[in-house]
PDB file of N, CA and C in Angstrom:
ATOM      1  N   MET A   1       2.312  13.175 -14.051  1.00  0.00           N
ATOM      2  CA  MET A   1       1.326  13.397 -13.010  1.00  0.00           C
ATOM      3  C   MET A   1       1.580  12.413 -11.867  1.00  0.00           C
ATOM      4  N   THR A   2       1.527  12.894 -10.639  1.00  0.00           N
ATOM      5  CA  THR A   2       1.770  12.023  -9.498  1.00  0.00           C
ATOM      6  C   THR A   2       0.529  11.201  -9.170  1.00  0.00           C
ATOM      7  N   ILE A   3       0.737  10.164  -8.400  1.00  0.00           N
ATOM      8  CA  ILE A   3      -0.382   9.310  -8.002  1.00  0.00           C
ATOM      9  C   ILE A   3      -1.406  10.112  -7.207  1.00  0.00           C
ATOM     10  N   ARG A   4      -0.941  11.042  -6.387  1.00  0.00           N
ATOM     11  CA  ARG A   4      -1.884  11.860  -5.606  1.00  0.00           C
ATOM     12  C   ARG A   4      -2.704  12.780  -6.515  1.00  0.00           C
ATOM     13  N   GLN A   5      -2.089  13.342  -7.537  1.00  0.00           N
ATOM     14  CA  GLN A   5      -2.833  14.179  -8.486  1.00  0.00           C
ATOM     15  C   GLN A   5      -3.890  13.357  -9.226  1.00  0.00           C
ATOM     16  N   LYS A   6      -3.504  12.150  -9.672  1.00  0.00           N
ATOM     17  CA  LYS A   6      -4.474  11.273 -10.338  1.00  0.00           C
ATOM     18  C   LYS A   6      -5.624  10.935  -9.399  1.00  0.00           C
ATOM     19  N   LEU A   7      -5.276  10.686  -8.144  1.00  0.00           N
ATOM     20  CA  LEU A   7      -6.287  10.349  -7.150  1.00  0.00           C
ATOM     21  C   LEU A   7      -7.281  11.494  -6.967  1.00  0.00           C
ATOM     22  N   PHE A   8      -6.784  12.727  -6.884  1.00  0.00           N
ATOM     23  CA  PHE A   8      -7.682  13.879  -6.765  1.00  0.00           C
ATOM     24  C   PHE A   8      -8.631  13.951  -7.958  1.00  0.00           C
ATOM     25  N   GLU A   9      -8.126  13.702  -9.161  1.00  0.00           N
ATOM     26  CA  GLU A   9      -8.982  13.731 -10.353  1.00  0.00           C
ATOM     27  C   GLU A   9     -10.067  12.661 -10.287  1.00  0.00           C
ATOM     28  N   LEU A  10      -9.667  11.450  -9.904  1.00  0.00           N
ATOM     29  CA  LEU A  10     -10.619  10.334  -9.906  1.00  0.00           C
ATOM     30  C   LEU A  10     -11.648  10.424  -8.788  1.00  0.00           C
ATOM     31  N   THR A  11     -11.296  11.079  -7.669  1.00  0.00           N
ATOM     32  CA  THR A  11     -12.293  11.220  -6.601  1.00  0.00           C
ATOM     33  C   THR A  11     -13.382  12.211  -6.990  1.00  0.00           C
ATOM     34  N   SER A  12     -13.134  12.972  -8.022  1.00  0.00           N
ATOM     35  CA  SER A  12     -14.156  13.894  -8.538  1.00  0.00           C
ATOM     36  C   SER A  12     -14.977  13.257  -9.654  1.00  0.00           C
ATOM     37  N   SER A  13     -14.623  12.038 -10.032  1.00  0.00           N
ATOM     38  CA  SER A  13     -15.326  11.350 -11.116  1.00  0.00           C
ATOM     39  C   SER A  13     -16.128  10.182 -10.549  1.00  0.00           C
ATOM     40  N   ASP A  14     -16.804   9.468 -11.425  1.00  0.00           N
ATOM     41  CA  ASP A  14     -17.574   8.304 -10.988  1.00  0.00           C
ATOM     42  C   ASP A  14     -16.691   7.137 -10.571  1.00  0.00           C
ATOM     43  N   GLU A  15     -15.465   7.080 -11.087  1.00  0.00           N
ATOM     44  CA  GLU A  15     -14.617   5.917 -10.825  1.00  0.00           C
ATOM     45  C   GLU A  15     -14.302   5.741  -9.339  1.00  0.00           C
ATOM     46  N   LEU A  16     -13.991   6.828  -8.653  1.00  0.00           N
ATOM     47  CA  LEU A  16     -13.710   6.770  -7.215  1.00  0.00           C
ATOM     48  C   LEU A  16     -14.571   7.797  -6.474  1.00  0.00           C
ATOM     49  N   GLU A  17     -15.840   7.872  -6.835  1.00  0.00           N
ATOM     50  CA  GLU A  17     -16.686   8.928  -6.285  1.00  0.00           C
ATOM     51  C   GLU A  17     -16.902   8.821  -4.783  1.00  0.00           C
ATOM     52  N   PHE A  18     -16.735   7.656  -4.194  1.00  0.00           N
ATOM     53  CA  PHE A  18     -16.922   7.515  -2.758  1.00  0.00           C
ATOM     54  C   PHE A  18     -15.594   7.403  -2.018  1.00  0.00           C
ATOM     55  N   CYS A  19     -14.547   7.959  -2.616  1.00  0.00           N
ATOM     56  CA  CYS A  19     -13.242   8.067  -1.974  1.00  0.00           C
ATOM     57  C   CYS A  19     -12.923   9.547  -1.822  1.00  0.00           C
ATOM     58  N   SER A  20     -12.017   9.850  -0.907  1.00  0.00           N
ATOM     59  CA  SER A  20     -11.613  11.236  -0.705  1.00  0.00           C
ATOM     60  C   SER A  20     -10.134  11.294  -0.358  1.00  0.00           C
ATOM     61  N   ALA A  21      -9.465  12.298  -0.871  1.00  0.00           N
ATOM     62  CA  ALA A  21      -8.083  12.581  -0.481  1.00  0.00           C
ATOM     63  C   ALA A  21      -8.056  13.840   0.380  1.00  0.00           C
ATOM     64  N   LYS A  22      -9.246  14.243   0.843  1.00  0.00           N
ATOM     65  CA  LYS A  22      -9.362  15.457   1.655  1.00  0.00           C
ATOM     66  C   LYS A  22      -9.949  15.172   3.035  1.00  0.00           C
ATOM     67  N   CYS A  23     -10.044  13.925   3.425  1.00  0.00           N
ATOM     68  CA  CYS A  23     -10.660  13.554   4.690  1.00  0.00           C
ATOM     69  C   CYS A  23      -9.718  13.820   5.869  1.00  0.00           C
ATOM     70  N   ILE A  24     -10.250  13.722   7.076  1.00  0.00           N
ATOM     71  CA  ILE A  24      -9.400  13.803   8.266  1.00  0.00           C
ATOM     72  C   ILE A  24      -8.421  12.637   8.186  1.00  0.00           C
ATOM     73  N   GLY A  25      -7.161  12.901   8.372  1.00  0.00           N
ATOM     74  CA  GLY A  25      -6.147  11.856   8.259  1.00  0.00           C
ATOM     75  C   GLY A  25      -5.589  11.699   6.861  1.00  0.00           C
ATOM     76  N   CYS A  26      -6.040  12.505   5.928  1.00  0.00           N
ATOM     77  CA  CYS A  26      -5.571  12.399   4.543  1.00  0.00           C
ATOM     78  C   CYS A  26      -4.470  13.408   4.218  1.00  0.00           C
ATOM     79  N   GLN A  27      -3.878  13.977   5.240  1.00  0.00           N
ATOM     80  CA  GLN A  27      -2.822  14.951   4.996  1.00  0.00           C
ATOM     81  C   GLN A  27      -1.587  14.265   4.405  1.00  0.00           C
ATOM     82  N   VAL A  28      -0.729  15.067   3.795  1.00  0.00           N
ATOM     83  CA  VAL A  28       0.556  14.571   3.304  1.00  0.00           C
ATOM     84  C   VAL A  28       1.548  14.663   4.454  1.00  0.00           C
ATOM     85  N   ASN A  29       2.242  13.582   4.717  1.00  0.00           N
ATOM     86  CA  ASN A  29       3.289  13.549   5.741  1.00  0.00           C
ATOM     87  C   ASN A  29       4.626  13.447   5.022  1.00  0.00           C
ATOM     88  N   TYR A  30       5.480  14.420   5.211  1.00  0.00           N
ATOM     89  CA  TYR A  30       6.739  14.491   4.472  1.00  0.00           C
ATOM     90  C   TYR A  30       7.871  13.728   5.144  1.00  0.00           C
ATOM     91  N   GLY A  31       7.578  13.018   6.184  1.00  0.00           N
ATOM     92  CA  GLY A  31       8.553  12.191   6.882  1.00  0.00           C
ATOM     93  C   GLY A  31       7.790  11.209   7.747  1.00  0.00           C
ATOM     94  N   PRO A  32       8.470  10.502   8.637  1.00  0.00           N
ATOM     95  CA  PRO A  32       7.780   9.555   9.514  1.00  0.00           C
ATOM     96  C   PRO A  32       6.634  10.240  10.269  1.00  0.00           C
ATOM     97  N   PHE A  33       5.530   9.522  10.399  1.00  0.00           N
ATOM     98  CA  PHE A  33       4.360  10.063  11.089  1.00  0.00           C
ATOM     99  C   PHE A  33       3.579   8.906  11.697  1.00  0.00           C
ATOM    100  N   ALA A  34       3.284   9.014  12.969  1.00  0.00           N
ATOM    101  CA  ALA A  34       2.542   7.982  13.685  1.00  0.00           C
ATOM    102  C   ALA A  34       3.193   6.617  13.429  1.00  0.00           C
ATOM    103  N   GLU A  35       2.442   5.655  12.924  1.00  0.00           N
ATOM    104  CA  GLU A  35       2.973   4.300  12.697  1.00  0.00           C
ATOM    105  C   GLU A  35       3.894   4.199  11.490  1.00  0.00           C
ATOM    106  N   TYR A  36       3.796   5.174  10.602  1.00  0.00           N
ATOM    107  CA  TYR A  36       4.423   5.061   9.285  1.00  0.00           C
ATOM    108  C   TYR A  36       5.868   5.550   9.310  1.00  0.00           C
ATOM    109  N   PRO A  37       6.822   4.701   8.896  1.00  0.00           N
ATOM    110  CA  PRO A  37       8.246   5.036   9.016  1.00  0.00           C
ATOM    111  C   PRO A  37       8.774   5.985   7.945  1.00  0.00           C
ATOM    112  N   ILE A  38       7.979   6.248   6.916  1.00  0.00           N
ATOM    113  CA  ILE A  38       8.429   7.123   5.826  1.00  0.00           C
ATOM    114  C   ILE A  38       7.295   8.073   5.446  1.00  0.00           C
ATOM    115  N   ALA A  39       7.562   8.980   4.529  1.00  0.00           N
ATOM    116  CA  ALA A  39       6.538   9.916   4.055  1.00  0.00           C
ATOM    117  C   ALA A  39       5.309   9.142   3.581  1.00  0.00           C
ATOM    118  N   SER A  40       4.143   9.759   3.739  1.00  0.00           N
ATOM    119  CA  SER A  40       2.902   9.061   3.394  1.00  0.00           C
ATOM    120  C   SER A  40       1.784  10.070   3.154  1.00  0.00           C
ATOM    121  N   PHE A  41       0.681   9.577   2.607  1.00  0.00           N
ATOM    122  CA  PHE A  41      -0.553  10.359   2.561  1.00  0.00           C
ATOM    123  C   PHE A  41      -1.717   9.398   2.672  1.00  0.00           C
ATOM    124  N   GLY A  42      -2.838   9.907   3.136  1.00  0.00           N
ATOM    125  CA  GLY A  42      -4.001   9.069   3.342  1.00  0.00           C
ATOM    126  C   GLY A  42      -5.077   9.283   2.301  1.00  0.00           C
ATOM    127  N   THR A  43      -5.922   8.280   2.176  1.00  0.00           N
ATOM    128  CA  THR A  43      -7.100   8.319   1.319  1.00  0.00           C
ATOM    129  C   THR A  43      -8.195   7.551   2.049  1.00  0.00           C
ATOM    130  N   CYS A  44      -9.400   8.032   2.019  1.00  0.00           N
ATOM    131  CA  CYS A  44     -10.530   7.340   2.645  1.00  0.00           C
ATOM    132  C   CYS A  44     -11.503   6.888   1.566  1.00  0.00           C
ATOM    133  N   CYS A  45     -11.972   5.647   1.683  1.00  0.00           N
ATOM    134  CA  CYS A  45     -12.969   5.122   0.740  1.00  0.00           C
ATOM    135  C   CYS A  45     -14.030   4.362   1.520  1.00  0.00           C
ATOM    136  N   ASN A  46     -15.275   4.462   1.066  1.00  0.00           N
ATOM    137  CA  ASN A  46     -16.271   3.597   1.673  1.00  0.00           C
ATOM    138  C   ASN A  46     -16.271   2.264   0.920  1.00  0.00           C
ATOM    139  N   MET A  47     -17.006   1.313   1.436  1.00  0.00           N
ATOM    140  CA  MET A  47     -16.954  -0.047   0.889  1.00  0.00           C
ATOM    141  C   MET A  47     -17.307  -0.125  -0.597  1.00  0.00           C
ATOM    142  N   SER A  48     -18.169   0.753  -1.083  1.00  0.00           N
ATOM    143  CA  SER A  48     -18.581   0.663  -2.481  1.00  0.00           C
ATOM    144  C   SER A  48     -17.475   1.071  -3.451  1.00  0.00           C
ATOM    145  N   SER A  49     -16.428   1.723  -2.977  1.00  0.00           N
ATOM    146  CA  SER A  49     -15.331   2.141  -3.858  1.00  0.00           C
ATOM    147  C   SER A  49     -14.010   1.438  -3.580  1.00  0.00           C
ATOM    148  N   VAL A  50     -13.974   0.554  -2.602  1.00  0.00           N
ATOM    149  CA  VAL A  50     -12.710  -0.092  -2.232  1.00  0.00           C
ATOM    150  C   VAL A  50     -12.109  -0.883  -3.392  1.00  0.00           C
ATOM    151  N   ALA A  51     -12.897  -1.657  -4.103  1.00  0.00           N
ATOM    152  CA  ALA A  51     -12.358  -2.463  -5.210  1.00  0.00           C
ATOM    153  C   ALA A  51     -11.724  -1.573  -6.274  1.00  0.00           C
ATOM    154  N   ASN A  52     -12.390  -0.485  -6.637  1.00  0.00           N
ATOM    155  CA  ASN A  52     -11.817   0.434  -7.625  1.00  0.00           C
ATOM    156  C   ASN A  52     -10.558   1.108  -7.092  1.00  0.00           C
ATOM    157  N   ALA A  53     -10.552   1.462  -5.810  1.00  0.00           N
ATOM    158  CA  ALA A  53      -9.367   2.092  -5.220  1.00  0.00           C
ATOM    159  C   ALA A  53      -8.188   1.124  -5.211  1.00  0.00           C
ATOM    160  N   LEU A  54      -8.425  -0.127  -4.843  1.00  0.00           N
ATOM    161  CA  LEU A  54      -7.344  -1.123  -4.853  1.00  0.00           C
ATOM    162  C   LEU A  54      -6.790  -1.305  -6.259  1.00  0.00           C
ATOM    163  N   ALA A  55      -7.663  -1.373  -7.242  1.00  0.00           N
ATOM    164  CA  ALA A  55      -7.211  -1.505  -8.635  1.00  0.00           C
ATOM    165  C   ALA A  55      -6.403  -0.279  -9.051  1.00  0.00           C
ATOM    166  N   PHE A  56      -6.862   0.918  -8.684  1.00  0.00           N
ATOM    167  CA  PHE A  56      -6.139   2.147  -9.007  1.00  0.00           C
ATOM    168  C   PHE A  56      -4.736   2.122  -8.410  1.00  0.00           C
ATOM    169  N   PHE A  57      -4.627   1.816  -7.122  1.00  0.00           N
ATOM    170  CA  PHE A  57      -3.312   1.810  -6.476  1.00  0.00           C
ATOM    171  C   PHE A  57      -2.404   0.728  -7.056  1.00  0.00           C
ATOM    172  N   ALA A  58      -2.947  -0.451  -7.332  1.00  0.00           N
ATOM    173  CA  ALA A  58      -2.135  -1.527  -7.911  1.00  0.00           C
ATOM    174  C   ALA A  58      -1.574  -1.128  -9.274  1.00  0.00           C
ATOM    175  N   LYS A  59      -2.365  -0.441 -10.093  1.00  0.00           N
ATOM    176  CA  LYS A  59      -1.925  -0.047 -11.440  1.00  0.00           C
ATOM    177  C   LYS A  59      -1.017   1.178 -11.450  1.00  0.00           C
ATOM    178  N   ASN A  60      -1.123   2.038 -10.454  1.00  0.00           N
ATOM    179  CA  ASN A  60      -0.443   3.332 -10.500  1.00  0.00           C
ATOM    180  C   ASN A  60       0.636   3.538  -9.444  1.00  0.00           C
ATOM    181  N   ARG A  61       0.943   2.544  -8.640  1.00  0.00           N
ATOM    182  CA  ARG A  61       1.842   2.746  -7.509  1.00  0.00           C
ATOM    183  C   ARG A  61       3.308   2.928  -7.899  1.00  0.00           C
ATOM    184  N   ARG A  62       3.695   2.487  -9.092  1.00  0.00           N
ATOM    185  CA  ARG A  62       5.100   2.520  -9.524  1.00  0.00           C
ATOM    186  C   ARG A  62       5.975   1.900  -8.447  1.00  0.00           C
ATOM    187  N   ASN A  63       6.896   2.677  -7.847  1.00  0.00           N
ATOM    188  CA  ASN A  63       7.797   2.099  -6.844  1.00  0.00           C
ATOM    189  C   ASN A  63       7.302   2.332  -5.415  1.00  0.00           C
ATOM    190  N   LEU A  64       6.056   2.768  -5.259  1.00  0.00           N
ATOM    191  CA  LEU A  64       5.524   3.035  -3.925  1.00  0.00           C
ATOM    192  C   LEU A  64       4.987   1.764  -3.279  1.00  0.00           C
ATOM    193  N   SER A  65       5.078   1.709  -1.973  1.00  0.00           N
ATOM    194  CA  SER A  65       4.405   0.674  -1.196  1.00  0.00           C
ATOM    195  C   SER A  65       3.110   1.281  -0.680  1.00  0.00           C
ATOM    196  N   ILE A  66       2.019   0.569  -0.855  1.00  0.00           N
ATOM    197  CA  ILE A  66       0.704   1.065  -0.448  1.00  0.00           C
ATOM    198  C   ILE A  66       0.187   0.176   0.681  1.00  0.00           C
ATOM    199  N   PHE A  67      -0.151   0.783   1.810  1.00  0.00           N
ATOM    200  CA  PHE A  67      -0.721   0.051   2.938  1.00  0.00           C
ATOM    201  C   PHE A  67      -2.203   0.394   3.017  1.00  0.00           C
ATOM    202  N   VAL A  68      -3.042  -0.621   2.961  1.00  0.00           N
ATOM    203  CA  VAL A  68      -4.492  -0.444   2.978  1.00  0.00           C
ATOM    204  C   VAL A  68      -5.023  -1.096   4.248  1.00  0.00           C
ATOM    205  N   HIS A  69      -5.823  -0.341   4.999  1.00  0.00           N
ATOM    206  CA  HIS A  69      -6.383  -0.900   6.228  1.00  0.00           C
ATOM    207  C   HIS A  69      -7.720  -0.247   6.529  1.00  0.00           C
ATOM    208  N   PRO A  70      -8.571  -0.960   7.278  1.00  0.00           N
ATOM    209  CA  PRO A  70      -9.820  -0.335   7.707  1.00  0.00           C
ATOM    210  C   PRO A  70      -9.518   0.711   8.782  1.00  0.00           C
ATOM    211  N   THR A  71     -10.452   1.584   9.010  1.00  0.00           N
ATOM    212  CA  THR A  71     -10.332   2.553  10.098  1.00  0.00           C
ATOM    213  C   THR A  71     -11.502   2.318  11.041  1.00  0.00           C
ATOM    214  N   THR A  72     -11.178   1.719  12.181  1.00  0.00           N
ATOM    215  CA  THR A  72     -12.194   1.418  13.190  1.00  0.00           C
ATOM    216  C   THR A  72     -11.709   1.958  14.527  1.00  0.00           C
ATOM    217  N   ILE A  73     -12.432   1.660  15.584  1.00  0.00           N
ATOM    218  CA  ILE A  73     -11.978   2.062  16.916  1.00  0.00           C
ATOM    219  C   ILE A  73     -10.846   1.168  17.406  1.00  0.00           C
ATOM    220  N   HIS A  74     -10.507   0.139  16.639  1.00  0.00           N
ATOM    221  CA  HIS A  74      -9.444  -0.800  17.009  1.00  0.00           C
ATOM    222  C   HIS A  74      -8.212  -0.551  16.137  1.00  0.00           C
ATOM    223  N   ALA A  75      -7.581   0.602  16.323  1.00  0.00           N
ATOM    224  CA  ALA A  75      -6.476   1.028  15.454  1.00  0.00           C
ATOM    225  C   ALA A  75      -5.314   0.040  15.439  1.00  0.00           C
ATOM    226  N   LEU A  76      -4.987  -0.551  16.580  1.00  0.00           N
ATOM    227  CA  LEU A  76      -3.867  -1.495  16.600  1.00  0.00           C
ATOM    228  C   LEU A  76      -4.166  -2.709  15.723  1.00  0.00           C
ATOM    229  N   LEU A  77      -5.353  -3.264  15.832  1.00  0.00           N
ATOM    230  CA  LEU A  77      -5.735  -4.387  14.967  1.00  0.00           C
ATOM    231  C   LEU A  77      -5.787  -3.958  13.504  1.00  0.00           C
ATOM    232  N   ASP A  78      -6.290  -2.755  13.243  1.00  0.00           N
ATOM    233  CA  ASP A  78      -6.365  -2.254  11.864  1.00  0.00           C
ATOM    234  C   ASP A  78      -4.981  -2.201  11.222  1.00  0.00           C
ATOM    235  N   HIS A  79      -3.960  -1.851  12.013  1.00  0.00           N
ATOM    236  CA  HIS A  79      -2.603  -1.697  11.480  1.00  0.00           C
ATOM    237  C   HIS A  79      -1.764  -2.973  11.562  1.00  0.00           C
ATOM    238  N   THR A  80      -2.232  -3.989  12.280  1.00  0.00           N
ATOM    239  CA  THR A  80      -1.434  -5.215  12.416  1.00  0.00           C
ATOM    240  C   THR A  80      -2.088  -6.418  11.747  1.00  0.00           C
ATOM    241  N   GLU A  81      -3.324  -6.707  12.081  1.00  0.00           N
ATOM    242  CA  GLU A  81      -3.978  -7.918  11.588  1.00  0.00           C
ATOM    243  C   GLU A  81      -4.909  -7.693  10.402  1.00  0.00           C
ATOM    244  N   ARG A  82      -5.361  -6.479  10.212  1.00  0.00           N
ATOM    245  CA  ARG A  82      -6.388  -6.225   9.193  1.00  0.00           C
ATOM    246  C   ARG A  82      -5.874  -5.507   7.955  1.00  0.00           C
ATOM    247  N   GLY A  83      -4.637  -5.060   7.967  1.00  0.00           N
ATOM    248  CA  GLY A  83      -4.089  -4.316   6.835  1.00  0.00           C
ATOM    249  C   GLY A  83      -3.453  -5.223   5.796  1.00  0.00           C
ATOM    250  N   VAL A  84      -3.364  -4.726   4.572  1.00  0.00           N
ATOM    251  CA  VAL A  84      -2.688  -5.447   3.487  1.00  0.00           C
ATOM    252  C   VAL A  84      -1.777  -4.471   2.745  1.00  0.00           C
ATOM    253  N   TRP A  85      -0.718  -5.004   2.176  1.00  0.00           N
ATOM    254  CA  TRP A  85       0.239  -4.206   1.407  1.00  0.00           C
ATOM    255  C   TRP A  85       0.071  -4.464  -0.081  1.00  0.00           C
ATOM    256  N   ILE A  86       0.187  -3.416  -0.862  1.00  0.00           N
ATOM    257  CA  ILE A  86       0.325  -3.531  -2.313  1.00  0.00           C
ATOM    258  C   ILE A  86       1.753  -3.090  -2.584  1.00  0.00           C
ATOM    259  N   GLY A  87       2.582  -4.004  -3.044  1.00  0.00           N
ATOM    260  CA  GLY A  87       4.007  -3.723  -3.175  1.00  0.00           C
ATOM    261  C   GLY A  87       4.730  -4.204  -1.926  1.00  0.00           C
ATOM    262  N   PRO A  88       6.028  -3.918  -1.847  1.00  0.00           N
ATOM    263  CA  PRO A  88       6.812  -4.384  -0.697  1.00  0.00           C
ATOM    264  C   PRO A  88       6.275  -3.813   0.622  1.00  0.00           C
ATOM    265  N   SER A  89       6.237  -4.668   1.635  1.00  0.00           N
ATOM    266  CA  SER A  89       5.800  -4.209   2.955  1.00  0.00           C
ATOM    267  C   SER A  89       6.975  -3.599   3.708  1.00  0.00           C
ATOM    268  N   MET A  90       6.676  -2.904   4.763  1.00  0.00           N
ATOM    269  CA  MET A  90       7.709  -2.361   5.638  1.00  0.00           C
ATOM    270  C   MET A  90       7.168  -2.389   7.059  1.00  0.00           C
ATOM    271  N   PRO A  91       8.064  -2.430   8.030  1.00  0.00           N
ATOM    272  CA  PRO A  91       7.581  -2.490   9.412  1.00  0.00           C
ATOM    273  C   PRO A  91       6.939  -1.166   9.828  1.00  0.00           C
ATOM    274  N   LEU A  92       5.848  -1.274  10.540  1.00  0.00           N
ATOM    275  CA  LEU A  92       5.181  -0.098  11.100  1.00  0.00           C
ATOM    276  C   LEU A  92       5.547   0.004  12.576  1.00  0.00           C
ATOM    277  N   ASP A  93       5.647   1.203  13.086  1.00  0.00           N
ATOM    278  CA  ASP A  93       5.966   1.420  14.496  1.00  0.00           C
ATOM    279  C   ASP A  93       4.661   1.486  15.282  1.00  0.00           C
ATOM    280  N   THR A  94       4.167   0.321  15.677  1.00  0.00           N
ATOM    281  CA  THR A  94       2.868   0.279  16.350  1.00  0.00           C
ATOM    282  C   THR A  94       2.937   0.761  17.796  1.00  0.00           C
ATOM    283  N   SER A  95       4.139   1.077  18.297  1.00  0.00           N
ATOM    284  CA  SER A  95       4.217   1.677  19.632  1.00  0.00           C
ATOM    285  C   SER A  95       3.596   3.072  19.624  1.00  0.00           C
ATOM    286  N   LYS A  96       3.415   3.631  18.432  1.00  0.00           N
ATOM    287  CA  LYS A  96       2.825   4.967  18.297  1.00  0.00           C
ATOM    288  C   LYS A  96       1.344   4.916  17.912  1.00  0.00           C
ATOM    289  N   THR A  97       0.781   3.723  17.851  1.00  0.00           N
ATOM    290  CA  THR A  97      -0.625   3.572  17.481  1.00  0.00           C
ATOM    291  C   THR A  97      -1.511   3.905  18.672  1.00  0.00           C
ATOM    292  N   ALA A  98      -2.493   4.736  18.452  1.00  0.00           N
ATOM    293  CA  ALA A  98      -3.433   5.089  19.520  1.00  0.00           C
ATOM    294  C   ALA A  98      -4.253   3.860  19.898  1.00  0.00           C
ATOM    295  N   VAL A  99      -4.321   3.574  21.181  1.00  0.00           N
ATOM    296  CA  VAL A  99      -5.109   2.443  21.669  1.00  0.00           C
ATOM    297  C   VAL A  99      -6.161   3.001  22.619  1.00  0.00           C
ATOM    298  N   PHE A 100      -7.416   2.675  22.331  1.00  0.00           N
ATOM    299  CA  PHE A 100      -8.517   3.154  23.162  1.00  0.00           C
ATOM    300  C   PHE A 100      -9.079   1.985  23.954  1.00  0.00           C
ATOM    301  N   PRO A 101      -9.379   2.209  25.229  1.00  0.00           N
ATOM    302  CA  PRO A 101      -9.911   1.109  26.069  1.00  0.00           C
ATOM    303  C   PRO A 101     -11.289   0.666  25.634  1.00  0.00           C
TER     304      PRO A 101
END
């Protein structure tokens, strides 16, 4: 079972009930997309499920690198100063990050 399949199962349970793999921005990207240099997919969690989500990704990531960041109106800060990596980090192309005045 893939990490995304496990994630779908857990978002339907109490363990990650306040997370979603179906939110806006949670699509699967099969190649570079926006800031991300390789294939990726998104997951959204509210604050009450973040600890469980971090534990899930840390235990199930295998050889994947997981980038976790808040989603605010300050996307550049979210992707540069506020994000954390689980596993090896990689450079993000922040020239493609939407910046709002």
